[in-house]
C-alpha cells in the first residue's frame, strides 16, 4: 500500500504522465480523497506549465 508520506516524498520528481498515471490508479483503487486532491493539484500544475510553454512558443512564431 502506498502511503501519503511515500507519495509526497517522490511527487516533485514525477513527470506529468507519471502523475496522471498515479491519479488514475488512485481513482480506480483506494479512492483516498486527500491523495486524489494532492495528485490532482500536482497534475494541474504540471499541465498548466506545459500548456503555457506551448502557448508562448506559438505566440513567438
C-alpha atoms as a PDB file:
ATOM      1  CA  UNK A   1       0.000   0.000   0.000  1.00  0.00           C
ATOM      2  CA  UNK A   2       1.267   3.416  -0.931  1.00  0.00           C
ATOM      3  CA  UNK A   3       1.265   5.912   1.891  1.00  0.00           C
ATOM      4  CA  UNK A   4       0.850   9.664   1.822  1.00  0.00           C
ATOM      5  CA  UNK A   5       4.425  10.043   3.055  1.00  0.00           C
ATOM      6  CA  UNK A   6       5.873   7.983   0.202  1.00  0.00           C
ATOM      7  CA  UNK A   7       3.777   9.799  -2.407  1.00  0.00           C
ATOM      8  CA  UNK A   8       4.715  13.229  -1.084  1.00  0.00           C
ATOM      9  CA  UNK A   9       8.393  12.264  -0.983  1.00  0.00           C
ATOM     10  CA  UNK A  10       8.537  11.389  -4.698  1.00  0.00           C
ATOM     11  CA  UNK A  11       5.814  13.570  -6.224  1.00  0.00           C
ATOM     12  CA  UNK A  12       8.022  16.526  -7.120  1.00  0.00           C
ATOM     13  CA  UNK A  13      10.266  14.341  -9.284  1.00  0.00           C
ATOM     14  CA  UNK A  14       7.420  12.800 -11.307  1.00  0.00           C
ATOM     15  CA  UNK A  15       6.549  13.803 -14.866  1.00  0.00           C
ATOM     16  CA  UNK A  16       3.097  14.919 -15.950  1.00  0.00           C
ATOM     17  CA  UNK A  17       2.403  11.471 -17.422  1.00  0.00           C
ATOM     18  CA  UNK A  18       3.572   9.709 -14.261  1.00  0.00           C
ATOM     19  CA  UNK A  19       1.389  11.879 -12.033  1.00  0.00           C
ATOM     20  CA  UNK A  20      -1.605  11.288 -14.313  1.00  0.00           C
ATOM     21  CA  UNK A  21      -0.994   7.553 -14.071  1.00  0.00           C
ATOM     22  CA  UNK A  22      -0.819   7.783 -10.282  1.00  0.00           C
ATOM     23  CA  UNK A  23      -4.045   9.810 -10.253  1.00  0.00           C
ATOM     24  CA  UNK A  24      -5.836   7.258 -12.417  1.00  0.00           C
ATOM     25  CA  UNK A  25      -4.573   4.376 -10.283  1.00  0.00           C
ATOM     26  CA  UNK A  26      -5.845   6.099  -7.144  1.00  0.00           C
ATOM     27  CA  UNK A  27      -9.223   6.804  -8.786  1.00  0.00           C
ATOM     28  CA  UNK A  28      -9.548   3.140  -9.733  1.00  0.00           C
ATOM     29  CA  UNK A  29      -8.211   1.844  -6.451  1.00  0.00           C
ATOM     30  CA  UNK A  30      -8.328   3.190  -2.926  1.00  0.00           C
ATOM     31  CA  UNK A  31     -10.056   6.498  -3.781  1.00  0.00           C
ATOM     32  CA  UNK A  32      -8.479   8.338  -0.842  1.00  0.00           C
ATOM     33  CA  UNK A  33      -9.759  11.907  -1.039  1.00  0.00           C
ATOM     34  CA  UNK A  34      -6.677  13.690   0.298  1.00  0.00           C
ATOM     35  CA  UNK A  35      -4.381  11.777  -2.035  1.00  0.00           C
ATOM     36  CA  UNK A  36      -6.696  12.355  -5.011  1.00  0.00           C
ATOM     37  CA  UNK A  37      -6.695  16.083  -4.240  1.00  0.00           C
ATOM     38  CA  UNK A  38      -2.908  16.279  -3.950  1.00  0.00           C
ATOM     39  CA  UNK A  39      -2.305  14.259  -7.107  1.00  0.00           C
ATOM     40  CA  UNK A  40      -4.813  16.404  -8.994  1.00  0.00           C
ATOM     41  CA  UNK A  41      -3.145  19.599  -7.749  1.00  0.00           C
ATOM     42  CA  UNK A  42       0.273  18.393  -8.879  1.00  0.00           C
ATOM     43  CA  UNK A  43      -1.054  17.181 -12.230  1.00  0.00           C
ATOM     44  CA  UNK A  44      -2.708  20.561 -12.860  1.00  0.00           C
ATOM     45  CA  UNK A  45       0.493  22.412 -12.001  1.00  0.00           C
ATOM     46  CA  UNK A  46       2.490  20.353 -14.484  1.00  0.00           C
ATOM     47  CA  UNK A  47      -0.189  20.513 -17.188  1.00  0.00           C
ATOM     48  CA  UNK A  48      -0.606  24.278 -16.921  1.00  0.00           C
ATOM     49  CA  UNK A  49       3.158  24.803 -17.105  1.00  0.00           C
ATOM     50  CA  UNK A  50       3.359  22.659 -20.255  1.00  0.00           C
ATOM     51  CA  UNK A  51       0.397  24.404 -21.872  1.00  0.00           C
ATOM     52  CA  UNK A  52       1.832  27.830 -21.072  1.00  0.00           C
ATOM     53  CA  UNK A  53       5.134  26.931 -22.724  1.00  0.00           C
ATOM     54  CA  UNK A  54       3.280  25.663 -25.805  1.00  0.00           C
ATOM     55  CA  UNK A  55       1.158  28.820 -25.936  1.00  0.00           C
ATOM     56  CA  UNK A  56       4.141  31.130 -25.663  1.00  0.00           C
ATOM     57  CA  UNK A  57       6.029  29.208 -28.343  1.00  0.00           C
ATOM     58  CA  UNK A  58       3.103  29.698 -30.709  1.00  0.00           C
ATOM     59  CA  UNK A  59       2.910  33.393 -29.852  1.00  0.00           C
ATOM     60  CA  UNK A  60       6.553  33.954 -30.748  1.00  0.00           C
ATOM     61  CA  UNK A  61       6.273  32.357 -34.194  1.00  0.00           C
END
